[in-house]
Amino acid sequence: MAKIAVIAAGSWGTALALTLFENGHDMTIWTRTESHAEEMRRTRINHKYLPGILIPESIQITSRPEEAVHGAEMLVFAVPSQQYAAVLSDFKEKGLLSKDVPIVNVAKGIDMHTLETPSQMTMRIAPEVPFVVLSGPSHAEEVAVHLPTALVSASKSRKLAEWVQDLFSNDFLRVYTHPDVIGVEISGALKNIIALGAGISDGLGFGDNTKAALITRGIHEISRLGIQMGAQAETFRGLAGVGDLIVTCTSMHSRNRRCGILIGQGKSLDEAIEAVGMVVEGAYTVRSAYLLKERFQLEMPITTELYRVLYEGKDARSAVLHLMTRQKKHEIEELAIAYKDWE
C-alpha cells in the first residue's frame, strides 16, 4: 500500500483517486477551494465533475496543500495544463515537493505562454522531482464504473514507469510502460484540438467520411510536430497517439468534441466553453500548437484552420472548404520519394 495524493479534484483526478483507493492505497484528494472540499466531504460526491459516483469515507478530501502531501509517496497531478506551472510553483515555494516523491501528471495540454509540456515545466520549476506522464484513451466517466481501459505510463526512468504501472493496474485498468515522455505528452495535447475539429464537423452536419479524414490527417500533424520536438514516430501509432485520438474524436464524453459541436452550430468559443461547463484543453492547445508550428516552420493545415476559426473569427465552413481545396499532394511524401520507379 502506498500513500498517494491527487492534486486537483476534476473528473479525471477523482476517478483515478477512486481507482487507486480500490487498489488498496491510502488516498487524499486536494481541491483548490474549501467550499468544493466541504461539499465533497459532506455529500461524498463530486457533483460538479463526476456526479453520481460515491467517494468512500476513507478517502481524505482537503483544500490545504500541506495536509494533502503530508507523508505522500506520490503526487498525481490532475491540474489543467494552463494552471500546471502556477500550482507546481506554489507547491515548490511552500516546500511541498521532494526528489523522493514523484509527480505523475495526468492532464493533457501545452502551456499557452511558455509553449512547454508538463514535463518541460517540471524540469524548469522543480528539476529534482521525478516525473511520469500517465495518458491514453480514457474517459473518467468510464473508468469510474470499471469499464476496461488501457493507458501508458511514460518516464525517463523505467523503474519509475513500472512502479506507476503496478500502482494503477487492476482488472479493469491495464497500464503499459513507455520511454517516450515527450511523444506521449504531444499526443495527449494535440488530440484535443483534432477532437475540436471533429466536433465542429459534426456541428456543421458533415458525416463519418469527414471525421475519418480529420482523424487520419490529424495523427499525421500530431506526429509531425512531435517528431520535431524529439518524439519517436512509433509512439503516435500507439495508445497515447491514435488510441486517444479515436476516443476523443468520437465520444460525447469528450469535452473537446462537445465544444466543437457547439461551435459548428454557430456558438462562439466563449459561449461553447461556458455551455460545456468544464475545462476544454483543446481550446488553449490550438494556440500553443499554432505557435509551435510557426516556431518550427511546419505545415499543419488542420491546426492552422482551427486557430483561425477560434481566434481570428474565420467561418468554420470556409475553413473546411480551404482544407479540401488546398494544393494537391501525395498522402505520404516519404513514400512517393522512396518509390523511385513510381512514374
Protein backbone atom coordinates (compact mmCIF):
# COMPACT_ATOMS: atom_id res chain seq x y z
CA MET A 1 0.00 0.00 0.00
CA ALA A 2 1.23 3.48 -0.89
CA LYS A 3 0.12 6.87 0.42
CA ILE A 4 -0.88 8.97 -2.61
CA ALA A 5 -2.26 12.48 -3.04
CA VAL A 6 -4.30 13.51 -6.08
CA ILE A 7 -3.78 17.21 -6.79
CA ALA A 8 -6.99 18.73 -8.25
CA ALA A 9 -10.46 17.26 -7.99
CA GLY A 10 -11.73 17.32 -11.56
CA SER A 11 -13.42 14.32 -13.13
CA TRP A 12 -10.20 12.51 -14.09
CA GLY A 13 -8.42 13.19 -10.82
CA THR A 14 -11.44 11.93 -8.87
CA ALA A 15 -11.79 8.79 -10.99
CA LEU A 16 -8.11 7.95 -10.56
CA ALA A 17 -8.30 8.56 -6.81
CA LEU A 18 -11.15 6.05 -6.65
CA THR A 19 -9.17 3.56 -8.74
CA LEU A 20 -6.09 3.85 -6.56
CA PHE A 21 -8.20 3.54 -3.43
CA GLU A 22 -9.77 0.34 -4.77
CA ASN A 23 -6.24 -0.91 -5.42
CA GLY A 24 -5.61 -0.63 -1.68
CA HIS A 25 -3.78 2.69 -1.44
CA ASP A 26 -4.19 5.42 1.18
CA MET A 27 -5.73 8.32 -0.76
CA THR A 28 -6.10 12.06 -0.30
CA ILE A 29 -7.76 14.42 -2.80
CA TRP A 30 -6.75 18.09 -2.84
CA THR A 31 -9.05 20.69 -4.34
CA ARG A 32 -8.30 24.39 -4.63
CA THR A 33 -11.32 25.80 -2.76
CA GLU A 34 -12.59 24.95 0.71
CA SER A 35 -16.19 25.22 -0.47
CA HIS A 36 -15.61 22.42 -3.00
CA ALA A 37 -13.76 20.33 -0.43
CA GLU A 38 -16.51 20.82 2.16
CA GLU A 39 -19.24 19.85 -0.31
CA MET A 40 -17.38 16.69 -1.30
CA ARG A 41 -16.78 15.76 2.35
CA ARG A 42 -20.44 16.35 3.18
CA THR A 43 -22.04 14.59 0.20
CA ARG A 44 -19.19 12.17 -0.68
CA ILE A 45 -19.88 13.01 -4.33
CA ASN A 46 -18.04 15.33 -6.72
CA HIS A 47 -21.30 16.75 -8.09
CA LYS A 48 -19.72 19.24 -10.49
CA TYR A 49 -17.20 16.96 -12.18
CA LEU A 50 -18.16 13.32 -11.56
CA PRO A 51 -21.82 13.20 -10.48
CA GLY A 52 -23.42 10.00 -9.25
CA ILE A 53 -20.16 8.35 -8.13
CA LEU A 54 -19.75 7.79 -4.39
CA ILE A 55 -16.42 8.73 -2.79
CA PRO A 56 -15.64 6.36 0.13
CA GLU A 57 -15.34 7.88 3.59
CA SER A 58 -11.76 6.61 3.88
CA ILE A 59 -10.58 8.95 1.10
CA GLN A 60 -9.49 12.23 2.68
CA ILE A 61 -10.54 15.48 1.00
CA THR A 62 -8.82 18.77 1.74
CA SER A 63 -8.13 22.23 0.36
CA ARG A 64 -4.89 22.53 2.35
CA PRO A 65 -1.89 21.53 0.22
CA GLU A 66 0.27 20.85 3.28
CA GLU A 67 -2.29 18.35 4.56
CA ALA A 68 -2.64 16.72 1.14
CA VAL A 69 1.05 15.98 0.60
CA HIS A 70 1.95 15.09 4.20
CA GLY A 71 3.53 11.64 4.12
CA ALA A 72 2.66 11.12 0.44
CA GLU A 73 4.87 8.81 -1.61
CA MET A 74 3.44 10.03 -4.92
CA LEU A 75 1.61 13.13 -6.20
CA VAL A 76 -0.87 12.61 -9.02
CA PHE A 77 -1.21 16.00 -10.71
CA ALA A 78 -4.60 16.34 -12.40
CA VAL A 79 -4.27 20.12 -12.73
CA PRO A 80 -5.39 21.64 -16.08
CA SER A 81 -2.33 22.30 -18.22
CA GLN A 82 -2.77 26.10 -18.21
CA GLN A 83 -2.64 26.08 -14.39
CA TYR A 84 0.06 23.43 -14.02
CA ALA A 85 3.03 25.80 -13.73
CA ALA A 86 1.29 28.04 -11.19
CA VAL A 87 0.26 25.14 -8.93
CA LEU A 88 3.65 23.46 -9.26
CA SER A 89 5.43 26.73 -8.42
CA ASP A 90 3.18 27.27 -5.41
CA PHE A 91 3.90 23.78 -4.09
CA LYS A 92 7.62 24.34 -4.70
CA GLU A 93 7.64 27.67 -2.84
CA LYS A 94 5.82 26.06 0.10
CA GLY A 95 8.46 23.33 0.28
CA LEU A 96 5.94 20.61 -0.59
CA LEU A 97 7.92 18.92 -3.38
CA SER A 98 10.68 16.37 -2.91
CA LYS A 99 13.16 14.40 -5.00
CA ASP A 100 11.78 11.32 -3.25
CA VAL A 101 8.12 11.92 -4.22
CA PRO A 102 7.44 11.54 -7.96
CA ILE A 103 4.86 13.57 -9.83
CA VAL A 104 2.51 11.61 -12.08
CA ASN A 105 0.87 14.09 -14.44
CA VAL A 106 -2.46 13.07 -15.97
CA ALA A 107 -3.61 16.34 -17.60
CA LYS A 108 -3.10 16.88 -21.34
CA GLY A 109 -2.01 20.17 -22.83
CA ILE A 110 0.73 22.69 -23.65
CA ASP A 111 1.14 25.98 -21.80
CA MET A 112 -0.04 28.86 -23.99
CA HIS A 113 2.62 31.28 -22.76
CA THR A 114 5.80 29.21 -22.49
CA LEU A 115 4.78 26.55 -25.07
CA GLU A 116 6.05 23.92 -22.64
CA THR A 117 4.63 20.49 -21.91
CA PRO A 118 4.16 19.49 -18.24
CA SER A 119 7.46 17.57 -18.23
CA GLN A 120 9.26 20.64 -19.54
CA MET A 121 7.57 22.88 -16.96
CA THR A 122 8.57 20.44 -14.23
CA MET A 123 12.17 20.38 -15.44
CA ARG A 124 12.26 24.19 -15.31
CA ILE A 125 10.47 24.70 -11.98
CA ALA A 126 11.35 21.58 -9.97
CA PRO A 127 14.08 19.66 -11.83
CA GLU A 128 14.81 17.49 -8.80
CA VAL A 129 11.33 15.90 -8.84
CA PRO A 130 10.97 12.59 -10.74
CA PHE A 131 8.28 12.82 -13.45
CA VAL A 132 5.85 10.39 -15.07
CA VAL A 133 3.08 11.06 -17.55
CA LEU A 134 0.04 8.76 -17.47
CA SER A 135 -2.00 9.03 -20.65
CA GLY A 136 -4.08 7.17 -23.21
CA PRO A 137 -7.69 6.71 -24.39
CA SER A 138 -9.66 7.21 -21.19
CA HIS A 139 -12.81 8.94 -20.03
CA ALA A 140 -13.24 9.46 -16.30
CA GLU A 141 -16.92 8.51 -16.55
CA GLU A 142 -15.98 5.05 -17.84
CA VAL A 143 -13.04 4.37 -15.53
CA ALA A 144 -15.19 5.32 -12.53
CA VAL A 145 -17.62 2.49 -13.36
CA HIS A 146 -14.87 -0.02 -14.17
CA LEU A 147 -15.17 -0.22 -17.95
CA PRO A 148 -11.98 -1.83 -19.38
CA THR A 149 -9.37 0.83 -20.20
CA ALA A 150 -5.71 0.83 -21.26
CA LEU A 151 -3.17 3.58 -20.51
CA VAL A 152 0.57 4.19 -20.82
CA SER A 153 2.97 5.19 -18.06
CA ALA A 154 5.87 7.12 -19.61
CA SER A 155 9.04 8.18 -17.82
CA LYS A 156 12.75 8.55 -18.47
CA SER A 157 13.14 6.04 -15.62
CA ARG A 158 11.98 2.53 -16.49
CA LYS A 159 11.84 1.65 -12.79
CA LEU A 160 9.53 4.59 -12.10
CA ALA A 161 7.30 3.85 -15.10
CA GLU A 162 6.93 0.26 -13.88
CA TRP A 163 6.14 1.39 -10.32
CA VAL A 164 3.30 3.56 -11.62
CA GLN A 165 2.17 0.62 -13.75
CA ASP A 166 2.00 -1.56 -10.64
CA LEU A 167 0.13 1.02 -8.54
CA PHE A 168 -2.60 1.78 -11.10
CA SER A 169 -3.14 -1.62 -12.75
CA ASN A 170 -6.11 -3.83 -11.88
CA ASP A 171 -8.67 -5.99 -13.65
CA PHE A 172 -10.31 -3.03 -15.46
CA LEU A 173 -7.32 -0.70 -15.91
CA ARG A 174 -4.35 -2.05 -17.85
CA VAL A 175 -1.19 0.10 -17.89
CA TYR A 176 1.68 -0.29 -20.33
CA THR A 177 5.09 1.32 -19.80
CA HIS A 178 6.70 3.69 -22.29
CA PRO A 179 10.05 5.55 -22.56
CA ASP A 180 8.92 8.42 -24.86
CA VAL A 181 7.72 11.14 -22.47
CA ILE A 182 7.53 13.99 -24.99
CA GLY A 183 5.79 11.81 -27.57
CA VAL A 184 3.11 10.76 -25.09
CA GLU A 185 2.63 14.39 -23.98
CA ILE A 186 2.34 15.78 -27.53
CA SER A 187 -0.11 13.00 -28.42
CA GLY A 188 -2.33 13.77 -25.44
CA ALA A 189 -2.24 17.51 -26.00
CA LEU A 190 -2.84 17.71 -29.74
CA LYS A 191 -5.53 15.04 -29.96
CA ASN A 192 -7.77 17.56 -28.17
CA ILE A 193 -7.51 20.07 -30.99
CA ILE A 194 -8.32 17.43 -33.60
CA ALA A 195 -11.33 16.47 -31.46
CA LEU A 196 -12.44 20.09 -31.52
CA GLY A 197 -12.27 19.89 -35.31
CA ALA A 198 -14.23 16.63 -35.32
CA GLY A 199 -16.89 18.28 -33.17
CA ILE A 200 -17.09 21.29 -35.48
CA SER A 201 -17.51 18.86 -38.38
CA ASP A 202 -20.40 17.20 -36.55
CA GLY A 203 -21.93 20.57 -35.70
CA LEU A 204 -21.80 21.57 -39.37
CA GLY A 205 -23.68 18.38 -40.27
CA PHE A 206 -20.83 16.58 -42.02
CA GLY A 207 -20.57 12.79 -41.90
CA ASP A 208 -18.34 9.87 -40.99
CA ASN A 209 -16.19 10.32 -44.09
CA THR A 210 -15.22 13.79 -42.94
CA LYS A 211 -14.40 12.65 -39.43
CA ALA A 212 -12.29 9.74 -40.69
CA ALA A 213 -10.29 12.15 -42.84
CA LEU A 214 -9.79 14.52 -39.89
CA ILE A 215 -8.62 11.73 -37.59
CA THR A 216 -6.21 10.29 -40.15
CA ARG A 217 -4.71 13.58 -41.25
CA GLY A 218 -4.80 14.73 -37.64
CA ILE A 219 -2.48 11.99 -36.42
CA HIS A 220 -0.18 12.97 -39.29
CA GLU A 221 0.01 16.54 -37.98
CA ILE A 222 0.44 15.41 -34.37
CA SER A 223 3.35 13.14 -35.27
CA ARG A 224 4.95 15.83 -37.43
CA LEU A 225 5.15 18.25 -34.50
CA GLY A 226 6.05 15.52 -32.02
CA ILE A 227 8.96 14.21 -34.07
CA GLN A 228 10.23 17.77 -34.49
CA MET A 229 10.24 18.05 -30.68
CA GLY A 230 12.16 14.81 -30.21
CA ALA A 231 9.44 12.16 -30.06
CA GLN A 232 9.56 8.72 -31.64
CA ALA A 233 7.26 8.03 -34.61
CA GLU A 234 6.08 4.71 -33.14
CA THR A 235 4.51 6.50 -30.17
CA PHE A 236 1.84 8.07 -32.37
CA ARG A 237 0.66 4.65 -33.57
CA GLY A 238 0.00 3.51 -30.01
CA LEU A 239 -2.48 4.09 -27.19
CA ALA A 240 -1.32 7.63 -26.40
CA GLY A 241 -1.47 8.57 -30.08
CA VAL A 242 -4.09 7.10 -32.39
CA GLY A 243 -5.88 5.38 -29.48
CA ASP A 244 -6.54 8.59 -27.57
CA LEU A 245 -7.31 10.45 -30.79
CA ILE A 246 -10.04 7.99 -31.78
CA VAL A 247 -11.82 8.04 -28.42
CA THR A 248 -11.68 11.83 -28.09
CA CYS A 249 -12.95 12.46 -31.63
CA THR A 250 -15.88 10.04 -31.42
CA SER A 251 -17.27 10.15 -27.86
CA MET A 252 -19.81 12.51 -26.32
CA HIS A 253 -17.83 12.15 -23.08
CA SER A 254 -15.22 14.33 -24.80
CA ARG A 255 -15.49 17.98 -23.73
CA ASN A 256 -13.43 18.98 -26.76
CA ARG A 257 -15.77 17.29 -29.20
CA ARG A 258 -18.85 18.71 -27.44
CA CYS A 259 -17.31 22.18 -27.55
CA GLY A 260 -16.60 21.76 -31.25
CA ILE A 261 -20.17 20.68 -31.97
CA LEU A 262 -21.46 23.89 -30.39
CA ILE A 263 -19.02 26.00 -32.42
CA GLY A 264 -20.10 24.22 -35.59
CA GLN A 265 -23.68 25.05 -34.69
CA GLY A 266 -22.81 28.74 -34.53
CA LYS A 267 -21.74 29.49 -30.94
CA SER A 268 -18.61 31.49 -30.20
CA LEU A 269 -15.69 29.81 -28.46
CA ASP A 270 -16.53 31.51 -25.14
CA GLU A 271 -20.20 30.52 -25.42
CA ALA A 272 -19.28 26.93 -26.21
CA ILE A 273 -16.84 26.64 -23.29
CA GLU A 274 -19.43 28.08 -20.92
CA ALA A 275 -22.03 25.59 -22.15
CA VAL A 276 -19.65 22.64 -21.64
CA GLY A 277 -19.05 23.85 -18.08
CA MET A 278 -15.58 22.31 -17.64
CA VAL A 279 -12.06 22.94 -18.89
CA VAL A 280 -11.74 22.45 -22.66
CA GLU A 281 -8.00 21.85 -23.02
CA GLY A 282 -8.07 21.83 -26.82
CA ALA A 283 -9.23 25.45 -26.99
CA TYR A 284 -5.94 26.54 -25.43
CA THR A 285 -3.76 23.92 -27.09
CA VAL A 286 -4.85 25.15 -30.54
CA ARG A 287 -3.00 28.39 -29.84
CA SER A 288 0.04 26.60 -28.40
CA ALA A 289 0.26 24.19 -31.33
CA TYR A 290 -0.13 27.01 -33.84
CA LEU A 291 2.73 28.96 -32.25
CA LEU A 292 4.92 25.85 -32.15
CA LYS A 293 4.11 25.22 -35.81
CA GLU A 294 5.25 28.74 -36.59
CA ARG A 295 8.40 28.33 -34.48
CA PHE A 296 9.44 25.17 -36.30
CA GLN A 297 8.04 26.26 -39.69
CA LEU A 298 5.92 23.14 -40.07
CA GLU A 299 2.95 22.57 -42.35
CA MET A 300 -0.06 21.79 -40.11
CA PRO A 301 -3.17 22.83 -42.08
CA ILE A 302 -5.83 21.48 -39.69
CA THR A 303 -4.23 23.23 -36.73
CA THR A 304 -3.90 26.43 -38.77
CA GLU A 305 -7.56 26.48 -39.83
CA LEU A 306 -8.78 25.68 -36.31
CA TYR A 307 -6.67 28.55 -34.95
CA ARG A 308 -8.23 30.90 -37.49
CA VAL A 309 -11.76 29.74 -36.62
CA LEU A 310 -11.26 30.01 -32.85
CA TYR A 311 -9.03 33.08 -32.60
CA GLU A 312 -9.48 35.05 -35.80
CA GLY A 313 -13.21 34.62 -36.35
CA LYS A 314 -12.99 32.65 -39.60
CA ASP A 315 -16.20 30.92 -40.67
CA ALA A 316 -15.92 27.18 -39.93
CA ARG A 317 -17.47 26.09 -43.22
CA SER A 318 -14.99 28.27 -45.12
CA ALA A 319 -12.15 26.66 -43.17
CA VAL A 320 -13.29 23.20 -44.29
CA LEU A 321 -13.53 24.39 -47.90
CA HIS A 322 -9.98 25.73 -47.64
CA LEU A 323 -8.71 22.37 -46.38
CA MET A 324 -10.48 20.50 -49.19
CA THR A 325 -9.19 22.76 -51.98
CA ARG A 326 -5.55 23.07 -50.94
CA GLN A 327 -2.87 22.27 -53.49
CA LYS A 328 -2.91 18.58 -54.46
CA LYS A 329 -0.18 16.44 -52.90
CA HIS A 330 0.84 12.88 -52.09
CA GLU A 331 -0.65 11.38 -48.94
CA ILE A 332 2.77 10.30 -47.66
CA GLU A 333 5.56 12.31 -49.27
CA GLU A 334 8.27 10.00 -47.96
CA LEU A 335 6.74 7.03 -49.81
CA ALA A 336 6.46 8.97 -53.04
CA ILE A 337 10.18 9.70 -52.79
CA ALA A 338 11.12 6.16 -51.70
CA TYR A 339 9.40 4.52 -54.68
CA LYS A 340 11.97 5.70 -57.20
CA ASP A 341 10.40 3.70 -60.04
CA TRP A 342 6.91 5.11 -59.41
CA GLU A 343 6.04 7.04 -62.57
